[in-house]
Amino acid sequence: MFAIRSIIATLILATLMTHTTKAGDARPLAACPQKPNCVSSQTDDDQHAIAPFSFTGNAQTAWGQLRSAVLSEQRTRIVEEGADYLHAEALSRVFGFVDDLEFLLVPDEQVIHVRSGARTGYSDFGVNRRRVERIRQAFSGK
């Protein structure tokens, strides 16, 4: 019984540690593959680069606004959520392909980093970039 409790405690601690960011020490989101089906605010690569979401004021308020903006997207559901990390899945309309959306809150920099990428295929014809920009508009209330 002690071994089971120890394993559970270790798993909980590991989960908390992977979703905790120290000030100025944002963990990287998944890297984009060498295909034109992904965008990320944590890359310098022109093909994949997109601006992070900026906010002013309270970080938790911004995080709540982001969550609402993500859920406003059709066929999108949140599959993992923490205090500073959110992972959602978006299904394509016709074939039901899954795209992954990741967001990382960095309160000290007043930004939310974003990555949106297709799990399969080569090109997404700009779908992920357009999705991020729709979420950005919903997030900013414009």
N, C-alpha and C. Protein backbone atom coordinates (compact mmCIF):
# COMPACT_ATOMS: atom_id res chain seq x y z
N MET A 1 0.83 -1.19 0.00
CA MET A 1 0.00 0.00 0.00
C MET A 1 0.87 1.26 0.00
N PHE A 2 1.96 1.22 0.79
CA PHE A 2 2.86 2.37 0.83
C PHE A 2 3.46 2.64 -0.55
N ALA A 3 3.82 1.56 -1.27
CA ALA A 3 4.42 1.72 -2.61
C ALA A 3 3.44 2.40 -3.56
N ILE A 4 2.18 2.03 -3.49
CA ILE A 4 1.18 2.63 -4.36
C ILE A 4 1.02 4.11 -4.04
N ARG A 5 0.94 4.46 -2.76
CA ARG A 5 0.84 5.87 -2.36
C ARG A 5 2.06 6.65 -2.82
N SER A 6 3.23 6.04 -2.71
CA SER A 6 4.46 6.70 -3.13
C SER A 6 4.45 6.95 -4.64
N ILE A 7 4.00 5.98 -5.39
CA ILE A 7 3.93 6.14 -6.85
C ILE A 7 2.93 7.23 -7.21
N ILE A 8 1.78 7.24 -6.57
CA ILE A 8 0.76 8.25 -6.84
C ILE A 8 1.30 9.64 -6.49
N ALA A 9 1.94 9.76 -5.35
CA ALA A 9 2.50 11.05 -4.94
C ALA A 9 3.56 11.53 -5.94
N THR A 10 4.39 10.62 -6.43
CA THR A 10 5.42 10.96 -7.41
C THR A 10 4.79 11.44 -8.71
N LEU A 11 3.74 10.74 -9.16
CA LEU A 11 3.05 11.15 -10.40
C LEU A 11 2.41 12.52 -10.26
N ILE A 12 1.78 12.77 -9.13
CA ILE A 12 1.16 14.08 -8.90
C ILE A 12 2.22 15.17 -8.89
N LEU A 13 3.32 14.95 -8.20
CA LEU A 13 4.40 15.92 -8.13
C LEU A 13 4.99 16.18 -9.52
N ALA A 14 5.21 15.12 -10.29
CA ALA A 14 5.76 15.27 -11.64
C ALA A 14 4.82 16.08 -12.52
N THR A 15 3.52 15.84 -12.40
CA THR A 15 2.54 16.59 -13.18
C THR A 15 2.57 18.06 -12.80
N LEU A 16 2.60 18.36 -11.52
CA LEU A 16 2.65 19.74 -11.08
C LEU A 16 3.92 20.43 -11.53
N MET A 17 5.02 19.72 -11.50
CA MET A 17 6.29 20.32 -11.89
C MET A 17 6.33 20.64 -13.38
N THR A 18 5.69 19.81 -14.22
CA THR A 18 5.74 20.07 -15.65
C THR A 18 4.85 21.22 -16.04
N HIS A 19 3.92 21.63 -15.18
CA HIS A 19 3.03 22.72 -15.52
C HIS A 19 3.23 23.94 -14.63
N THR A 20 4.41 24.05 -14.07
CA THR A 20 4.73 25.21 -13.26
C THR A 20 5.90 25.94 -13.89
N THR A 21 5.77 27.22 -14.01
CA THR A 21 6.82 28.02 -14.60
C THR A 21 7.34 29.01 -13.57
N LYS A 22 8.64 29.05 -13.44
CA LYS A 22 9.24 30.08 -12.60
C LYS A 22 9.26 31.37 -13.40
N ALA A 23 9.34 32.48 -12.72
CA ALA A 23 9.38 33.77 -13.39
C ALA A 23 10.48 33.80 -14.43
N GLY A 24 10.12 34.15 -15.66
CA GLY A 24 11.10 34.26 -16.73
C GLY A 24 11.64 32.95 -17.23
N ASP A 25 11.05 31.81 -16.82
CA ASP A 25 11.58 30.50 -17.19
C ASP A 25 10.48 29.67 -17.85
N ALA A 26 9.88 30.22 -18.90
CA ALA A 26 8.79 29.53 -19.58
C ALA A 26 9.32 28.29 -20.29
N ARG A 27 8.64 27.20 -20.08
CA ARG A 27 9.05 25.97 -20.76
C ARG A 27 8.63 26.07 -22.22
N PRO A 28 9.36 25.43 -23.08
CA PRO A 28 8.99 25.52 -24.49
C PRO A 28 7.79 24.64 -24.81
N LEU A 29 6.99 25.11 -25.75
CA LEU A 29 5.90 24.30 -26.29
C LEU A 29 6.53 23.32 -27.28
N ALA A 30 5.76 22.37 -27.75
CA ALA A 30 6.28 21.42 -28.73
C ALA A 30 6.79 22.18 -29.95
N ALA A 31 7.87 21.69 -30.51
CA ALA A 31 8.44 22.33 -31.71
C ALA A 31 7.59 21.99 -32.93
N CYS A 32 7.57 22.88 -33.88
CA CYS A 32 6.89 22.61 -35.15
C CYS A 32 7.75 21.67 -35.99
N PRO A 33 7.11 20.75 -36.70
CA PRO A 33 7.87 19.89 -37.61
C PRO A 33 8.30 20.67 -38.84
N GLN A 34 9.13 20.11 -39.66
CA GLN A 34 9.59 20.78 -40.88
C GLN A 34 8.55 20.63 -42.00
N LYS A 35 7.32 20.97 -41.68
CA LYS A 35 6.21 20.93 -42.63
C LYS A 35 5.43 22.24 -42.46
N PRO A 36 4.74 22.68 -43.50
CA PRO A 36 3.98 23.93 -43.40
C PRO A 36 2.58 23.72 -42.80
N ASN A 37 2.50 23.04 -41.66
CA ASN A 37 1.20 22.77 -41.05
C ASN A 37 1.18 23.13 -39.57
N CYS A 38 1.98 24.11 -39.19
CA CYS A 38 2.14 24.44 -37.77
C CYS A 38 2.60 25.88 -37.63
N VAL A 39 2.16 26.54 -36.54
CA VAL A 39 2.66 27.87 -36.18
C VAL A 39 3.01 27.87 -34.70
N SER A 40 3.99 28.68 -34.34
CA SER A 40 4.42 28.76 -32.95
C SER A 40 5.00 30.14 -32.65
N SER A 41 4.70 30.64 -31.46
CA SER A 41 5.28 31.92 -31.05
C SER A 41 6.64 31.73 -30.39
N GLN A 42 7.10 30.50 -30.31
CA GLN A 42 8.40 30.23 -29.70
C GLN A 42 9.43 29.78 -30.73
N THR A 43 9.27 30.25 -31.97
CA THR A 43 10.25 29.94 -33.00
C THR A 43 10.63 31.21 -33.75
N ASP A 44 11.82 31.21 -34.31
CA ASP A 44 12.28 32.33 -35.14
C ASP A 44 12.14 32.00 -36.62
N ASP A 45 11.75 30.78 -36.92
CA ASP A 45 11.58 30.31 -38.29
C ASP A 45 10.42 31.05 -38.94
N ASP A 46 10.67 31.80 -40.01
CA ASP A 46 9.65 32.62 -40.66
C ASP A 46 8.42 31.82 -41.10
N GLN A 47 8.63 30.59 -41.54
CA GLN A 47 7.53 29.76 -42.02
C GLN A 47 6.53 29.44 -40.90
N HIS A 48 7.02 29.28 -39.68
CA HIS A 48 6.18 28.84 -38.57
C HIS A 48 5.90 29.93 -37.54
N ALA A 49 6.61 31.05 -37.59
CA ALA A 49 6.50 32.07 -36.54
C ALA A 49 5.15 32.77 -36.55
N ILE A 50 4.67 33.03 -35.34
CA ILE A 50 3.46 33.81 -35.12
C ILE A 50 3.64 34.55 -33.80
N ALA A 51 3.05 35.69 -33.65
CA ALA A 51 3.22 36.49 -32.43
C ALA A 51 2.49 35.84 -31.26
N PRO A 52 3.07 35.96 -30.05
CA PRO A 52 2.33 35.50 -28.87
C PRO A 52 1.16 36.44 -28.59
N PHE A 53 0.27 36.03 -27.74
CA PHE A 53 -0.85 36.89 -27.33
C PHE A 53 -0.32 37.79 -26.23
N SER A 54 -0.57 39.08 -26.33
CA SER A 54 -0.15 40.05 -25.32
C SER A 54 -1.36 40.46 -24.50
N PHE A 55 -1.13 40.78 -23.24
CA PHE A 55 -2.21 41.27 -22.39
C PHE A 55 -1.66 42.28 -21.40
N THR A 56 -2.55 43.07 -20.83
CA THR A 56 -2.21 43.97 -19.74
C THR A 56 -3.11 43.61 -18.58
N GLY A 57 -2.72 43.99 -17.40
CA GLY A 57 -3.55 43.72 -16.24
C GLY A 57 -3.29 42.34 -15.65
N ASN A 58 -4.32 41.79 -15.06
CA ASN A 58 -4.24 40.54 -14.31
C ASN A 58 -4.06 39.33 -15.23
N ALA A 59 -3.05 38.53 -14.93
CA ALA A 59 -2.74 37.35 -15.75
C ALA A 59 -3.87 36.32 -15.70
N GLN A 60 -4.47 36.13 -14.53
CA GLN A 60 -5.54 35.12 -14.42
C GLN A 60 -6.78 35.55 -15.18
N THR A 61 -7.04 36.84 -15.24
CA THR A 61 -8.16 37.35 -16.05
C THR A 61 -7.89 37.07 -17.52
N ALA A 62 -6.66 37.35 -17.96
CA ALA A 62 -6.28 37.08 -19.34
C ALA A 62 -6.38 35.59 -19.65
N TRP A 63 -5.97 34.76 -18.70
CA TRP A 63 -6.02 33.31 -18.90
C TRP A 63 -7.48 32.85 -19.07
N GLY A 64 -8.38 33.42 -18.29
CA GLY A 64 -9.80 33.10 -18.42
C GLY A 64 -10.35 33.55 -19.77
N GLN A 65 -9.92 34.71 -20.24
CA GLN A 65 -10.35 35.20 -21.55
C GLN A 65 -9.84 34.29 -22.66
N LEU A 66 -8.60 33.82 -22.50
CA LEU A 66 -8.05 32.91 -23.49
C LEU A 66 -8.86 31.61 -23.53
N ARG A 67 -9.14 31.07 -22.36
CA ARG A 67 -9.91 29.82 -22.28
C ARG A 67 -11.25 29.97 -23.00
N SER A 68 -11.94 31.08 -22.76
CA SER A 68 -13.22 31.34 -23.44
C SER A 68 -13.04 31.47 -24.95
N ALA A 69 -11.96 32.14 -25.36
CA ALA A 69 -11.70 32.31 -26.79
C ALA A 69 -11.44 30.97 -27.47
N VAL A 70 -10.71 30.10 -26.79
CA VAL A 70 -10.43 28.77 -27.35
C VAL A 70 -11.73 27.99 -27.49
N LEU A 71 -12.56 28.02 -26.46
CA LEU A 71 -13.82 27.28 -26.50
C LEU A 71 -14.82 27.86 -27.49
N SER A 72 -14.60 29.09 -27.95
CA SER A 72 -15.50 29.68 -28.95
C SER A 72 -15.27 29.08 -30.34
N GLU A 73 -14.15 28.40 -30.52
CA GLU A 73 -13.85 27.75 -31.79
C GLU A 73 -14.69 26.48 -31.94
N GLN A 74 -15.31 26.31 -33.10
CA GLN A 74 -16.11 25.11 -33.36
C GLN A 74 -15.22 23.87 -33.35
N ARG A 75 -15.79 22.76 -32.91
CA ARG A 75 -15.14 21.45 -32.90
C ARG A 75 -13.82 21.46 -32.12
N THR A 76 -13.75 22.28 -31.07
CA THR A 76 -12.53 22.40 -30.26
C THR A 76 -12.86 22.08 -28.81
N ARG A 77 -12.01 21.27 -28.20
CA ARG A 77 -12.21 20.91 -26.79
C ARG A 77 -10.88 20.98 -26.05
N ILE A 78 -10.95 21.37 -24.81
CA ILE A 78 -9.76 21.41 -23.96
C ILE A 78 -9.53 20.01 -23.42
N VAL A 79 -8.31 19.51 -23.58
CA VAL A 79 -7.98 18.17 -23.11
C VAL A 79 -7.03 18.17 -21.91
N GLU A 80 -6.36 19.29 -21.69
CA GLU A 80 -5.46 19.41 -20.54
C GLU A 80 -5.38 20.88 -20.16
N GLU A 81 -5.44 21.14 -18.86
CA GLU A 81 -5.43 22.52 -18.41
C GLU A 81 -4.74 22.62 -17.06
N GLY A 82 -3.86 23.59 -16.94
CA GLY A 82 -3.20 23.87 -15.68
C GLY A 82 -3.22 25.36 -15.43
N ALA A 83 -2.49 25.79 -14.41
CA ALA A 83 -2.46 27.20 -14.07
C ALA A 83 -1.80 28.06 -15.14
N ASP A 84 -0.89 27.45 -15.92
CA ASP A 84 -0.18 28.22 -16.94
C ASP A 84 -0.07 27.50 -18.28
N TYR A 85 -0.75 26.38 -18.43
CA TYR A 85 -0.67 25.60 -19.67
C TYR A 85 -2.06 25.12 -20.05
N LEU A 86 -2.36 25.19 -21.36
CA LEU A 86 -3.63 24.70 -21.86
C LEU A 86 -3.37 23.96 -23.17
N HIS A 87 -3.94 22.77 -23.29
CA HIS A 87 -3.84 21.98 -24.52
C HIS A 87 -5.26 21.68 -24.99
N ALA A 88 -5.54 22.03 -26.23
CA ALA A 88 -6.85 21.77 -26.82
C ALA A 88 -6.67 21.01 -28.12
N GLU A 89 -7.73 20.33 -28.52
CA GLU A 89 -7.76 19.63 -29.79
C GLU A 89 -8.87 20.22 -30.65
N ALA A 90 -8.55 20.45 -31.92
CA ALA A 90 -9.54 20.96 -32.88
C ALA A 90 -9.69 19.93 -33.99
N LEU A 91 -10.92 19.59 -34.31
CA LEU A 91 -11.19 18.63 -35.38
C LEU A 91 -11.53 19.36 -36.66
N SER A 92 -10.96 18.88 -37.77
CA SER A 92 -11.30 19.48 -39.06
C SER A 92 -12.74 19.13 -39.43
N ARG A 93 -13.36 20.01 -40.18
CA ARG A 93 -14.77 19.88 -40.50
C ARG A 93 -15.08 18.63 -41.33
N VAL A 94 -14.32 18.38 -42.37
CA VAL A 94 -14.68 17.33 -43.31
C VAL A 94 -14.19 15.95 -42.88
N PHE A 95 -12.90 15.83 -42.62
CA PHE A 95 -12.32 14.51 -42.35
C PHE A 95 -12.09 14.21 -40.87
N GLY A 96 -12.26 15.20 -40.01
CA GLY A 96 -12.07 14.97 -38.58
C GLY A 96 -10.61 14.83 -38.16
N PHE A 97 -9.67 15.40 -38.96
CA PHE A 97 -8.27 15.39 -38.57
C PHE A 97 -8.11 16.22 -37.30
N VAL A 98 -7.16 15.84 -36.45
CA VAL A 98 -6.94 16.53 -35.19
C VAL A 98 -5.75 17.48 -35.29
N ASP A 99 -5.98 18.72 -34.89
CA ASP A 99 -4.91 19.71 -34.73
C ASP A 99 -4.75 19.97 -33.24
N ASP A 100 -3.52 20.13 -32.80
CA ASP A 100 -3.24 20.43 -31.39
C ASP A 100 -2.97 21.91 -31.21
N LEU A 101 -3.58 22.48 -30.18
CA LEU A 101 -3.34 23.86 -29.78
C LEU A 101 -2.73 23.83 -28.39
N GLU A 102 -1.65 24.55 -28.21
CA GLU A 102 -1.02 24.67 -26.90
C GLU A 102 -0.85 26.14 -26.58
N PHE A 103 -1.06 26.46 -25.31
CA PHE A 103 -0.89 27.83 -24.83
C PHE A 103 -0.10 27.80 -23.54
N LEU A 104 0.79 28.75 -23.37
CA LEU A 104 1.62 28.84 -22.18
C LEU A 104 1.61 30.27 -21.66
N LEU A 105 1.10 30.46 -20.45
CA LEU A 105 1.03 31.77 -19.82
C LEU A 105 2.36 32.13 -19.18
N VAL A 106 2.88 33.32 -19.51
CA VAL A 106 4.11 33.84 -18.91
C VAL A 106 3.75 35.19 -18.31
N PRO A 107 3.26 35.20 -17.05
CA PRO A 107 2.77 36.44 -16.44
C PRO A 107 3.78 37.57 -16.37
N ASP A 108 5.04 37.26 -16.06
CA ASP A 108 6.05 38.31 -15.93
C ASP A 108 6.30 39.06 -17.23
N GLU A 109 6.07 38.39 -18.35
CA GLU A 109 6.26 39.03 -19.66
C GLU A 109 4.94 39.52 -20.24
N GLN A 110 3.84 39.25 -19.57
CA GLN A 110 2.49 39.59 -20.01
C GLN A 110 2.22 39.07 -21.43
N VAL A 111 2.57 37.81 -21.64
CA VAL A 111 2.30 37.14 -22.90
C VAL A 111 1.76 35.74 -22.65
N ILE A 112 1.09 35.24 -23.66
CA ILE A 112 0.67 33.85 -23.70
C ILE A 112 1.23 33.29 -25.00
N HIS A 113 2.16 32.35 -24.89
CA HIS A 113 2.73 31.73 -26.07
C HIS A 113 1.73 30.74 -26.64
N VAL A 114 1.82 30.54 -27.95
CA VAL A 114 0.85 29.69 -28.64
C VAL A 114 1.57 28.79 -29.64
N ARG A 115 1.03 27.60 -29.80
CA ARG A 115 1.44 26.67 -30.86
C ARG A 115 0.18 26.00 -31.36
N SER A 116 0.02 25.94 -32.67
CA SER A 116 -1.10 25.23 -33.27
C SER A 116 -0.56 24.44 -34.44
N GLY A 117 -0.78 23.13 -34.42
CA GLY A 117 -0.22 22.30 -35.49
C GLY A 117 -1.05 21.08 -35.78
N ALA A 118 -0.99 20.65 -37.03
CA ALA A 118 -1.68 19.44 -37.46
C ALA A 118 -0.89 18.22 -36.99
N ARG A 119 -1.61 17.20 -36.57
CA ARG A 119 -0.94 15.95 -36.17
C ARG A 119 -0.49 15.15 -37.37
N THR A 120 -1.23 15.24 -38.45
CA THR A 120 -0.93 14.44 -39.64
C THR A 120 -0.89 15.32 -40.87
N GLY A 121 -0.39 14.76 -41.95
CA GLY A 121 -0.39 15.47 -43.22
C GLY A 121 0.81 16.36 -43.39
N TYR A 122 0.85 17.02 -44.52
CA TYR A 122 1.97 17.89 -44.84
C TYR A 122 1.58 19.36 -44.74
N SER A 123 0.66 19.79 -45.56
CA SER A 123 0.24 21.19 -45.54
C SER A 123 -1.16 21.30 -44.94
N ASP A 124 -1.39 22.37 -44.23
CA ASP A 124 -2.74 22.62 -43.68
C ASP A 124 -3.41 23.79 -44.40
N PHE A 125 -2.77 24.31 -45.46
CA PHE A 125 -3.30 25.41 -46.26
C PHE A 125 -3.61 26.64 -45.39
N GLY A 126 -2.81 26.84 -44.32
CA GLY A 126 -2.95 28.01 -43.47
C GLY A 126 -4.02 27.93 -42.40
N VAL A 127 -4.61 26.75 -42.21
CA VAL A 127 -5.70 26.58 -41.25
C VAL A 127 -5.26 26.93 -39.83
N ASN A 128 -4.10 26.45 -39.40
CA ASN A 128 -3.66 26.70 -38.03
C ASN A 128 -3.36 28.18 -37.79
N ARG A 129 -2.76 28.84 -38.75
CA ARG A 129 -2.48 30.28 -38.60
C ARG A 129 -3.80 31.06 -38.50
N ARG A 130 -4.76 30.74 -39.36
CA ARG A 130 -6.05 31.44 -39.31
C ARG A 130 -6.78 31.15 -37.99
N ARG A 131 -6.69 29.92 -37.49
CA ARG A 131 -7.33 29.59 -36.22
C ARG A 131 -6.74 30.42 -35.08
N VAL A 132 -5.42 30.51 -35.03
CA VAL A 132 -4.78 31.29 -33.97
C VAL A 132 -5.21 32.76 -34.07
N GLU A 133 -5.31 33.29 -35.27
CA GLU A 133 -5.71 34.69 -35.41
C GLU A 133 -7.18 34.90 -35.01
N ARG A 134 -8.05 33.91 -35.27
CA ARG A 134 -9.45 34.02 -34.80
C ARG A 134 -9.49 34.00 -33.28
N ILE A 135 -8.70 33.11 -32.68
CA ILE A 135 -8.65 33.04 -31.22
C ILE A 135 -8.09 34.34 -30.66
N ARG A 136 -7.09 34.90 -31.32
CA ARG A 136 -6.52 36.18 -30.88
C ARG A 136 -7.57 37.28 -30.90
N GLN A 137 -8.38 37.33 -31.96
CA GLN A 137 -9.46 38.34 -32.06
C GLN A 137 -10.48 38.14 -30.95
N ALA A 138 -10.88 36.89 -30.71
CA ALA A 138 -11.85 36.61 -29.63
C ALA A 138 -11.24 36.97 -28.27
N PHE A 139 -9.97 36.70 -28.09
CA PHE A 139 -9.26 36.99 -26.85
C PHE A 139 -9.21 38.49 -26.58
N SER A 140 -8.95 39.26 -27.63
CA SER A 140 -8.83 40.71 -27.45
C SER A 140 -10.17 41.42 -27.51
N GLY A 141 -11.23 40.68 -27.86
CA GLY A 141 -12.57 41.28 -27.89
C GLY A 141 -12.83 42.13 -29.11
N LYS A 142 -12.03 41.95 -30.17
CA LYS A 142 -12.21 42.75 -31.38
C LYS A 142 -12.98 41.98 -32.43
